[in-house]
Amino acid sequence: MTPAIRAAIGLGANLGDAVGTLRGAVEALAVHDGVTLRAVSRFYRTPAWGRQDQPDFVNAVALVDTSLAPRALLDLLLAVEAEFGRHRIAGERWGPRTLDLDLLLYGDAVIDAPGLRVPHPRLHERAFALVPLLDVWPDARIPGYGDARDAVSALEMSNIHPL
């Protein structure tokens, strides 16, 4: 039996019933074999990042223990996105979406493979991911960067609002 790895999954949505979609996505992850849900952060309303010409996002982080390999966990996240109406368009970045699931951390692994980078490459500069991460994993470390708490202390926090 494969030992469980602690993983952090970022959740975001800004189209439709974003809160309901995030709740449904968490439920979809929690019932999957190989994934044990440990905690879900509060939900936060945050302005869009990268492209501001879109509605605010609702963001959260789910903390799981998983026996899935990183690529298999990513494949599960992509399948859940599709289940909730997400259609990825090649080359489109930071646009509006029904659901976005990102593998933020996978234990202390550092992975740089086609389509899979862990820790998430911009985690250390995104308050909308770090604040909910610290809700569920207060002593989280970002491999290659250090404590998540130190990373968040360097960021602007005035636009992160709990729901």
N, C-alpha and C. Protein backbone atom coordinates (compact mmCIF):
# COMPACT_ATOMS: atom_id res chain seq x y z
N MET A 1 0.84 -1.18 0.00
CA MET A 1 0.00 0.00 0.00
C MET A 1 0.89 1.24 0.00
N THR A 2 0.55 2.20 -0.85
CA THR A 2 1.31 3.43 -0.96
C THR A 2 1.01 4.32 0.24
N PRO A 3 2.06 4.85 0.90
CA PRO A 3 1.79 5.74 2.03
C PRO A 3 1.15 7.03 1.55
N ALA A 4 0.31 7.61 2.40
CA ALA A 4 -0.39 8.84 2.05
C ALA A 4 0.56 10.02 2.07
N ILE A 5 0.37 10.91 1.12
CA ILE A 5 1.13 12.15 1.00
C ILE A 5 0.15 13.29 1.29
N ARG A 6 0.59 14.26 2.05
CA ARG A 6 -0.22 15.46 2.28
C ARG A 6 -0.11 16.36 1.06
N ALA A 7 -1.24 16.80 0.53
CA ALA A 7 -1.27 17.66 -0.64
C ALA A 7 -2.24 18.81 -0.41
N ALA A 8 -1.93 19.94 -1.01
CA ALA A 8 -2.80 21.12 -0.94
C ALA A 8 -3.31 21.42 -2.34
N ILE A 9 -4.63 21.58 -2.44
CA ILE A 9 -5.29 21.84 -3.72
C ILE A 9 -5.95 23.20 -3.65
N GLY A 10 -5.56 24.09 -4.56
CA GLY A 10 -6.20 25.39 -4.65
C GLY A 10 -7.47 25.29 -5.46
N LEU A 11 -8.52 25.94 -4.99
CA LEU A 11 -9.80 25.96 -5.69
C LEU A 11 -10.17 27.40 -5.99
N GLY A 12 -10.68 27.65 -7.18
CA GLY A 12 -11.12 28.98 -7.53
C GLY A 12 -12.21 28.92 -8.58
N ALA A 13 -13.09 29.93 -8.56
CA ALA A 13 -14.16 30.05 -9.55
C ALA A 13 -14.64 31.49 -9.57
N ASN A 14 -15.08 31.94 -10.75
CA ASN A 14 -15.67 33.28 -10.82
C ASN A 14 -16.84 33.37 -11.81
N LEU A 15 -17.36 32.24 -12.22
CA LEU A 15 -18.54 32.20 -13.08
C LEU A 15 -19.62 31.38 -12.41
N GLY A 16 -20.87 31.79 -12.59
CA GLY A 16 -21.98 31.03 -12.02
C GLY A 16 -21.98 31.10 -10.51
N ASP A 17 -22.48 30.04 -9.88
CA ASP A 17 -22.52 29.94 -8.42
C ASP A 17 -21.15 29.45 -7.94
N ALA A 18 -20.21 30.38 -7.80
CA ALA A 18 -18.82 30.01 -7.47
C ALA A 18 -18.73 29.27 -6.15
N VAL A 19 -19.42 29.74 -5.13
CA VAL A 19 -19.37 29.08 -3.82
C VAL A 19 -19.92 27.67 -3.92
N GLY A 20 -21.07 27.51 -4.57
CA GLY A 20 -21.65 26.18 -4.74
C GLY A 20 -20.75 25.26 -5.54
N THR A 21 -20.11 25.80 -6.55
CA THR A 21 -19.19 25.00 -7.37
C THR A 21 -18.01 24.53 -6.54
N LEU A 22 -17.43 25.42 -5.72
CA LEU A 22 -16.29 25.01 -4.89
C LEU A 22 -16.71 23.94 -3.90
N ARG A 23 -17.88 24.10 -3.30
CA ARG A 23 -18.36 23.07 -2.36
C ARG A 23 -18.55 21.73 -3.07
N GLY A 24 -19.12 21.77 -4.27
CA GLY A 24 -19.32 20.54 -5.03
C GLY A 24 -18.01 19.90 -5.43
N ALA A 25 -17.03 20.71 -5.79
CA ALA A 25 -15.71 20.17 -6.17
C ALA A 25 -15.05 19.49 -4.98
N VAL A 26 -15.15 20.10 -3.81
CA VAL A 26 -14.58 19.48 -2.60
C VAL A 26 -15.25 18.14 -2.35
N GLU A 27 -16.57 18.08 -2.48
CA GLU A 27 -17.28 16.81 -2.29
C GLU A 27 -16.83 15.77 -3.31
N ALA A 28 -16.65 16.20 -4.56
CA ALA A 28 -16.21 15.26 -5.61
C ALA A 28 -14.82 14.70 -5.30
N LEU A 29 -13.95 15.53 -4.78
CA LEU A 29 -12.61 15.06 -4.41
C LEU A 29 -12.68 14.11 -3.21
N ALA A 30 -13.52 14.46 -2.23
CA ALA A 30 -13.57 13.71 -0.97
C ALA A 30 -14.07 12.29 -1.15
N VAL A 31 -14.86 12.01 -2.17
CA VAL A 31 -15.40 10.66 -2.34
C VAL A 31 -14.52 9.80 -3.24
N HIS A 32 -13.44 10.34 -3.74
CA HIS A 32 -12.57 9.59 -4.65
C HIS A 32 -11.65 8.66 -3.86
N ASP A 33 -11.53 7.39 -4.35
CA ASP A 33 -10.58 6.48 -3.74
C ASP A 33 -9.18 7.07 -3.88
N GLY A 34 -8.41 6.96 -2.83
CA GLY A 34 -7.05 7.46 -2.86
C GLY A 34 -6.92 8.89 -2.38
N VAL A 35 -8.05 9.51 -2.00
CA VAL A 35 -8.03 10.89 -1.49
C VAL A 35 -8.83 10.93 -0.19
N THR A 36 -8.20 11.43 0.87
CA THR A 36 -8.88 11.65 2.14
C THR A 36 -8.85 13.14 2.44
N LEU A 37 -10.02 13.74 2.50
CA LEU A 37 -10.11 15.16 2.79
C LEU A 37 -9.80 15.39 4.26
N ARG A 38 -8.86 16.29 4.52
CA ARG A 38 -8.48 16.61 5.90
C ARG A 38 -9.07 17.93 6.37
N ALA A 39 -9.13 18.93 5.49
CA ALA A 39 -9.65 20.24 5.88
C ALA A 39 -9.93 21.06 4.63
N VAL A 40 -10.84 22.01 4.79
CA VAL A 40 -11.12 22.99 3.74
C VAL A 40 -11.05 24.37 4.39
N SER A 41 -10.35 25.27 3.75
CA SER A 41 -10.22 26.62 4.27
C SER A 41 -11.54 27.37 4.21
N ARG A 42 -11.55 28.55 4.80
CA ARG A 42 -12.65 29.48 4.55
C ARG A 42 -12.62 29.84 3.07
N PHE A 43 -13.71 30.38 2.59
CA PHE A 43 -13.77 30.87 1.21
C PHE A 43 -13.45 32.36 1.25
N TYR A 44 -12.72 32.81 0.23
CA TYR A 44 -12.29 34.21 0.15
C TYR A 44 -12.69 34.80 -1.19
N ARG A 45 -13.15 36.04 -1.17
CA ARG A 45 -13.40 36.77 -2.41
C ARG A 45 -12.16 37.59 -2.70
N THR A 46 -11.67 37.44 -3.94
CA THR A 46 -10.44 38.13 -4.32
C THR A 46 -10.59 38.68 -5.74
N PRO A 47 -9.92 39.79 -6.03
CA PRO A 47 -9.97 40.30 -7.41
C PRO A 47 -9.24 39.33 -8.35
N ALA A 48 -9.65 39.36 -9.59
CA ALA A 48 -8.99 38.53 -10.60
C ALA A 48 -7.51 38.87 -10.67
N TRP A 49 -6.71 37.85 -10.93
CA TRP A 49 -5.27 37.99 -10.99
C TRP A 49 -4.85 37.77 -12.44
N GLY A 50 -4.01 38.63 -12.96
CA GLY A 50 -3.52 38.45 -14.33
C GLY A 50 -4.35 39.22 -15.34
N ARG A 51 -5.66 39.06 -15.28
CA ARG A 51 -6.60 39.81 -16.13
C ARG A 51 -7.69 40.38 -15.23
N GLN A 52 -7.80 41.68 -15.18
CA GLN A 52 -8.76 42.30 -14.29
C GLN A 52 -10.13 42.51 -14.93
N ASP A 53 -10.29 42.23 -16.21
CA ASP A 53 -11.57 42.47 -16.91
C ASP A 53 -12.53 41.29 -16.76
N GLN A 54 -12.75 40.87 -15.52
CA GLN A 54 -13.60 39.73 -15.24
C GLN A 54 -14.09 39.83 -13.79
N PRO A 55 -15.10 39.03 -13.42
CA PRO A 55 -15.61 39.08 -12.04
C PRO A 55 -14.56 38.63 -11.03
N ASP A 56 -14.77 39.06 -9.77
CA ASP A 56 -13.92 38.58 -8.68
C ASP A 56 -14.02 37.07 -8.57
N PHE A 57 -12.99 36.48 -7.99
CA PHE A 57 -12.95 35.04 -7.76
C PHE A 57 -13.35 34.72 -6.33
N VAL A 58 -13.80 33.49 -6.13
CA VAL A 58 -13.91 32.89 -4.82
C VAL A 58 -12.82 31.83 -4.79
N ASN A 59 -11.97 31.89 -3.75
CA ASN A 59 -10.84 30.97 -3.64
C ASN A 59 -10.87 30.24 -2.30
N ALA A 60 -10.29 29.05 -2.30
CA ALA A 60 -10.16 28.24 -1.10
C ALA A 60 -9.03 27.24 -1.32
N VAL A 61 -8.69 26.51 -0.27
CA VAL A 61 -7.71 25.43 -0.37
C VAL A 61 -8.27 24.21 0.36
N ALA A 62 -8.14 23.06 -0.28
CA ALA A 62 -8.48 21.78 0.34
C ALA A 62 -7.18 21.07 0.69
N LEU A 63 -7.10 20.58 1.90
CA LEU A 63 -5.95 19.81 2.35
C LEU A 63 -6.35 18.35 2.33
N VAL A 64 -5.59 17.53 1.62
CA VAL A 64 -5.92 16.11 1.49
C VAL A 64 -4.70 15.26 1.81
N ASP A 65 -4.97 14.03 2.17
CA ASP A 65 -3.95 12.99 2.17
C ASP A 65 -4.28 12.11 0.98
N THR A 66 -3.28 11.76 0.20
CA THR A 66 -3.55 10.98 -1.00
C THR A 66 -2.52 9.89 -1.20
N SER A 67 -3.00 8.79 -1.74
CA SER A 67 -2.10 7.71 -2.17
C SER A 67 -1.87 7.77 -3.67
N LEU A 68 -2.50 8.75 -4.33
CA LEU A 68 -2.32 8.91 -5.77
C LEU A 68 -0.96 9.54 -6.07
N ALA A 69 -0.36 9.11 -7.15
CA ALA A 69 0.87 9.74 -7.63
C ALA A 69 0.53 11.15 -8.09
N PRO A 70 1.49 12.05 -8.15
CA PRO A 70 1.20 13.43 -8.54
C PRO A 70 0.45 13.56 -9.86
N ARG A 71 0.85 12.83 -10.88
CA ARG A 71 0.18 12.94 -12.19
C ARG A 71 -1.26 12.41 -12.10
N ALA A 72 -1.46 11.34 -11.34
CA ALA A 72 -2.82 10.81 -11.18
C ALA A 72 -3.70 11.79 -10.41
N LEU A 73 -3.14 12.47 -9.42
CA LEU A 73 -3.90 13.47 -8.69
C LEU A 73 -4.25 14.64 -9.61
N LEU A 74 -3.30 15.08 -10.41
CA LEU A 74 -3.57 16.14 -11.38
C LEU A 74 -4.67 15.72 -12.36
N ASP A 75 -4.60 14.50 -12.84
CA ASP A 75 -5.64 14.00 -13.75
C ASP A 75 -7.01 14.02 -13.08
N LEU A 76 -7.07 13.68 -11.80
CA LEU A 76 -8.33 13.74 -11.05
C LEU A 76 -8.82 15.19 -10.99
N LEU A 77 -7.93 16.13 -10.71
CA LEU A 77 -8.33 17.54 -10.63
C LEU A 77 -8.89 18.02 -11.97
N LEU A 78 -8.25 17.64 -13.05
CA LEU A 78 -8.72 18.03 -14.38
C LEU A 78 -10.09 17.41 -14.69
N ALA A 79 -10.29 16.17 -14.25
CA ALA A 79 -11.58 15.50 -14.47
C ALA A 79 -12.69 16.19 -13.67
N VAL A 80 -12.39 16.59 -12.45
CA VAL A 80 -13.39 17.29 -11.63
C VAL A 80 -13.70 18.65 -12.26
N GLU A 81 -12.68 19.36 -12.74
CA GLU A 81 -12.93 20.62 -13.44
C GLU A 81 -13.91 20.41 -14.60
N ALA A 82 -13.66 19.39 -15.40
CA ALA A 82 -14.51 19.12 -16.56
C ALA A 82 -15.93 18.78 -16.11
N GLU A 83 -16.05 18.03 -15.03
CA GLU A 83 -17.36 17.66 -14.49
C GLU A 83 -18.18 18.90 -14.13
N PHE A 84 -17.49 19.97 -13.74
CA PHE A 84 -18.16 21.21 -13.36
C PHE A 84 -18.15 22.24 -14.49
N GLY A 85 -17.95 21.77 -15.73
CA GLY A 85 -18.12 22.64 -16.89
C GLY A 85 -16.90 23.40 -17.33
N ARG A 86 -15.73 23.09 -16.79
CA ARG A 86 -14.52 23.79 -17.20
C ARG A 86 -14.02 23.21 -18.51
N HIS A 87 -13.81 24.06 -19.47
CA HIS A 87 -13.23 23.66 -20.75
C HIS A 87 -11.97 24.47 -20.95
N ARG A 88 -10.83 23.81 -20.81
CA ARG A 88 -9.56 24.50 -20.97
C ARG A 88 -9.31 24.79 -22.44
N ILE A 89 -8.86 26.01 -22.69
CA ILE A 89 -8.53 26.43 -24.05
C ILE A 89 -7.02 26.65 -24.11
N ALA A 90 -6.36 25.96 -25.04
CA ALA A 90 -4.90 26.05 -25.16
C ALA A 90 -4.48 27.51 -25.30
N GLY A 91 -3.51 27.90 -24.51
CA GLY A 91 -2.96 29.24 -24.58
C GLY A 91 -3.71 30.28 -23.77
N GLU A 92 -4.93 29.96 -23.30
CA GLU A 92 -5.68 30.92 -22.49
C GLU A 92 -5.21 30.85 -21.04
N ARG A 93 -4.90 32.01 -20.48
CA ARG A 93 -4.43 32.06 -19.10
C ARG A 93 -5.19 33.13 -18.35
N TRP A 94 -5.50 32.84 -17.14
CA TRP A 94 -6.04 33.80 -16.18
C TRP A 94 -7.41 34.34 -16.56
N GLY A 95 -8.13 33.64 -17.40
CA GLY A 95 -9.46 34.10 -17.79
C GLY A 95 -10.52 33.62 -16.82
N PRO A 96 -11.78 34.03 -17.06
CA PRO A 96 -12.88 33.58 -16.21
C PRO A 96 -13.07 32.07 -16.32
N ARG A 97 -13.56 31.48 -15.24
CA ARG A 97 -13.73 30.02 -15.25
C ARG A 97 -14.78 29.57 -14.25
N THR A 98 -15.41 28.47 -14.62
CA THR A 98 -16.39 27.86 -13.72
C THR A 98 -15.70 27.20 -12.55
N LEU A 99 -14.50 26.66 -12.77
CA LEU A 99 -13.74 25.99 -11.72
C LEU A 99 -12.29 25.88 -12.13
N ASP A 100 -11.42 26.16 -11.18
CA ASP A 100 -9.99 26.00 -11.38
C ASP A 100 -9.46 25.24 -10.19
N LEU A 101 -8.82 24.10 -10.42
CA LEU A 101 -8.20 23.31 -9.37
C LEU A 101 -6.72 23.22 -9.66
N ASP A 102 -5.91 23.65 -8.71
CA ASP A 102 -4.45 23.63 -8.87
C ASP A 102 -3.81 22.79 -7.79
N LEU A 103 -2.88 21.95 -8.17
CA LEU A 103 -2.08 21.21 -7.20
C LEU A 103 -0.99 22.16 -6.71
N LEU A 104 -1.18 22.69 -5.51
CA LEU A 104 -0.26 23.68 -4.96
C LEU A 104 0.97 23.02 -4.36
N LEU A 105 0.75 22.02 -3.52
CA LEU A 105 1.84 21.30 -2.85
C LEU A 105 1.52 19.81 -2.85
N TYR A 106 2.57 19.01 -2.98
CA TYR A 106 2.46 17.56 -2.91
C TYR A 106 3.58 17.10 -1.98
N GLY A 107 3.27 17.07 -0.67
CA GLY A 107 4.32 16.81 0.31
C GLY A 107 5.42 17.84 0.16
N ASP A 108 6.65 17.37 0.16
CA ASP A 108 7.78 18.29 -0.05
C ASP A 108 8.39 18.09 -1.43
N ALA A 109 7.59 17.52 -2.33
CA ALA A 109 8.09 17.21 -3.68
C ALA A 109 8.29 18.48 -4.50
N VAL A 110 9.31 18.43 -5.33
CA VAL A 110 9.55 19.44 -6.36
C VAL A 110 9.48 18.70 -7.69
N ILE A 111 8.50 19.06 -8.52
CA ILE A 111 8.26 18.37 -9.78
C ILE A 111 8.24 19.39 -10.90
N ASP A 112 9.00 19.14 -11.94
CA ASP A 112 8.99 20.01 -13.12
C ASP A 112 8.90 19.10 -14.34
N ALA A 113 7.67 18.77 -14.70
CA ALA A 113 7.40 17.88 -15.82
C ALA A 113 6.40 18.58 -16.74
N PRO A 114 6.33 18.16 -17.99
CA PRO A 114 5.35 18.79 -18.89
C PRO A 114 3.93 18.74 -18.29
N GLY A 115 3.32 19.91 -18.13
CA GLY A 115 1.97 19.99 -17.61
C GLY A 115 1.84 19.84 -16.12
N LEU A 116 2.94 19.65 -15.39
CA LEU A 116 2.89 19.45 -13.94
C LEU A 116 4.10 20.07 -13.28
N ARG A 117 3.84 21.16 -12.55
CA ARG A 117 4.90 21.81 -11.78
C ARG A 117 4.43 21.95 -10.34
N VAL A 118 5.21 21.39 -9.42
CA VAL A 118 4.90 21.43 -8.00
C VAL A 118 6.19 21.78 -7.28
N PRO A 119 6.17 22.72 -6.31
CA PRO A 119 5.01 23.49 -5.93
C PRO A 119 4.51 24.35 -7.08
N HIS A 120 3.26 24.79 -6.96
CA HIS A 120 2.71 25.65 -8.01
C HIS A 120 3.70 26.80 -8.23
N PRO A 121 4.06 27.09 -9.47
CA PRO A 121 5.16 28.02 -9.73
C PRO A 121 5.00 29.43 -9.17
N ARG A 122 3.80 29.90 -8.97
CA ARG A 122 3.63 31.26 -8.44
C ARG A 122 2.96 31.28 -7.08
N LEU A 123 2.93 30.14 -6.41
CA LEU A 123 2.28 30.05 -5.11
C LEU A 123 2.81 31.10 -4.14
N HIS A 124 4.10 31.27 -4.09
CA HIS A 124 4.73 32.17 -3.13
C HIS A 124 4.39 33.65 -3.34
N GLU A 125 3.78 33.98 -4.49
CA GLU A 125 3.44 35.39 -4.75
C GLU A 125 1.93 35.61 -4.88
N ARG A 126 1.12 34.66 -4.47
CA ARG A 126 -0.33 34.76 -4.61
C ARG A 126 -1.02 34.66 -3.26
N ALA A 127 -1.39 35.81 -2.73
CA ALA A 127 -2.07 35.84 -1.43
C ALA A 127 -3.38 35.05 -1.48
N PHE A 128 -4.07 35.06 -2.64
CA PHE A 128 -5.35 34.36 -2.74
C PHE A 128 -5.19 32.85 -2.58
N ALA A 129 -3.99 32.33 -2.73
CA ALA A 129 -3.73 30.91 -2.49
C ALA A 129 -3.07 30.70 -1.12
N LEU A 130 -2.17 31.59 -0.74
CA LEU A 130 -1.44 31.42 0.52
C LEU A 130 -2.33 31.60 1.75
N VAL A 131 -3.22 32.59 1.73
CA VAL A 131 -4.06 32.83 2.90
C VAL A 131 -4.93 31.60 3.21
N PRO A 132 -5.66 31.06 2.23
CA PRO A 132 -6.43 29.84 2.55
C PRO A 132 -5.54 28.63 2.84
N LEU A 133 -4.37 28.56 2.22
CA LEU A 133 -3.44 27.47 2.54
C LEU A 133 -3.09 27.49 4.02
N LEU A 134 -2.80 28.67 4.54
CA LEU A 134 -2.42 28.77 5.95
C LEU A 134 -3.58 28.49 6.89
N ASP A 135 -4.84 28.67 6.41
CA ASP A 135 -6.00 28.27 7.22
C ASP A 135 -5.95 26.79 7.55
N VAL A 136 -5.54 25.97 6.57
CA VAL A 136 -5.61 24.52 6.73
C VAL A 136 -4.27 23.86 7.02
N TRP A 137 -3.18 24.57 6.74
CA TRP A 137 -1.84 24.01 6.93
C TRP A 137 -0.93 25.12 7.44
N PRO A 138 -1.08 25.51 8.71
CA PRO A 138 -0.38 26.68 9.24
C PRO A 138 1.14 26.61 9.16
N ASP A 139 1.69 25.40 9.17
CA ASP A 139 3.15 25.27 9.10
C ASP A 139 3.63 24.82 7.72
N ALA A 140 2.82 25.10 6.69
CA ALA A 140 3.19 24.69 5.32
C ALA A 140 4.51 25.32 4.91
N ARG A 141 5.29 24.52 4.22
CA ARG A 141 6.54 24.99 3.63
C ARG A 141 6.43 24.83 2.13
N ILE A 142 6.96 25.80 1.42
CA ILE A 142 6.98 25.77 -0.03
C ILE A 142 8.39 25.36 -0.43
N PRO A 143 8.56 24.14 -0.94
CA PRO A 143 9.92 23.71 -1.31
C PRO A 143 10.58 24.72 -2.26
N GLY A 144 11.80 25.11 -1.90
CA GLY A 144 12.53 26.08 -2.69
C GLY A 144 12.31 27.52 -2.27
N TYR A 145 11.30 27.77 -1.40
CA TYR A 145 11.00 29.13 -0.96
C TYR A 145 11.00 29.28 0.55
N GLY A 146 10.62 28.25 1.28
CA GLY A 146 10.56 28.34 2.74
C GLY A 146 9.14 28.33 3.25
N ASP A 147 8.95 28.92 4.43
CA ASP A 147 7.65 28.92 5.09
C ASP A 147 6.63 29.73 4.30
N ALA A 148 5.44 29.15 4.14
CA ALA A 148 4.36 29.87 3.48
C ALA A 148 4.00 31.13 4.25
N ARG A 149 4.11 31.07 5.57
CA ARG A 149 3.80 32.23 6.41
C ARG A 149 4.73 33.41 6.08
N ASP A 150 6.00 33.12 5.81
CA ASP A 150 6.94 34.18 5.43
C ASP A 150 6.58 34.75 4.06
N ALA A 151 6.17 33.90 3.15
CA ALA A 151 5.80 34.37 1.81
C ALA A 151 4.60 35.29 1.88
N VAL A 152 3.58 34.92 2.65
CA VAL A 152 2.37 35.74 2.71
C VAL A 152 2.62 37.07 3.41
N SER A 153 3.55 37.10 4.34
CA SER A 153 3.81 38.35 5.06
C SER A 153 4.39 39.43 4.14
N ALA A 154 4.94 39.04 3.01
CA ALA A 154 5.52 39.99 2.07
C ALA A 154 4.52 40.50 1.04
N LEU A 155 3.26 40.03 1.10
CA LEU A 155 2.27 40.35 0.07
C LEU A 155 1.22 41.33 0.55
N GLU A 156 0.62 42.03 -0.40
CA GLU A 156 -0.52 42.93 -0.15
C GLU A 156 -1.73 42.08 0.22
N MET A 157 -2.37 42.42 1.34
CA MET A 157 -3.46 41.59 1.83
C MET A 157 -4.81 42.31 1.83
N SER A 158 -4.86 43.56 1.45
CA SER A 158 -6.09 44.34 1.61
C SER A 158 -7.21 43.89 0.67
N ASN A 159 -6.91 43.10 -0.34
CA ASN A 159 -7.94 42.69 -1.29
C ASN A 159 -8.40 41.24 -1.09
N ILE A 160 -8.06 40.63 0.04
CA ILE A 160 -8.48 39.27 0.36
C ILE A 160 -9.59 39.38 1.42
N HIS A 161 -10.81 38.96 1.07
CA HIS A 161 -11.95 39.14 1.99
C HIS A 161 -12.63 37.80 2.23
N PRO A 162 -12.65 37.33 3.50
CA PRO A 162 -13.37 36.08 3.79
C PRO A 162 -14.86 36.24 3.54
N LEU A 163 -15.49 35.18 3.06
CA LEU A 163 -16.94 35.22 2.85
C LEU A 163 -17.65 34.77 4.11
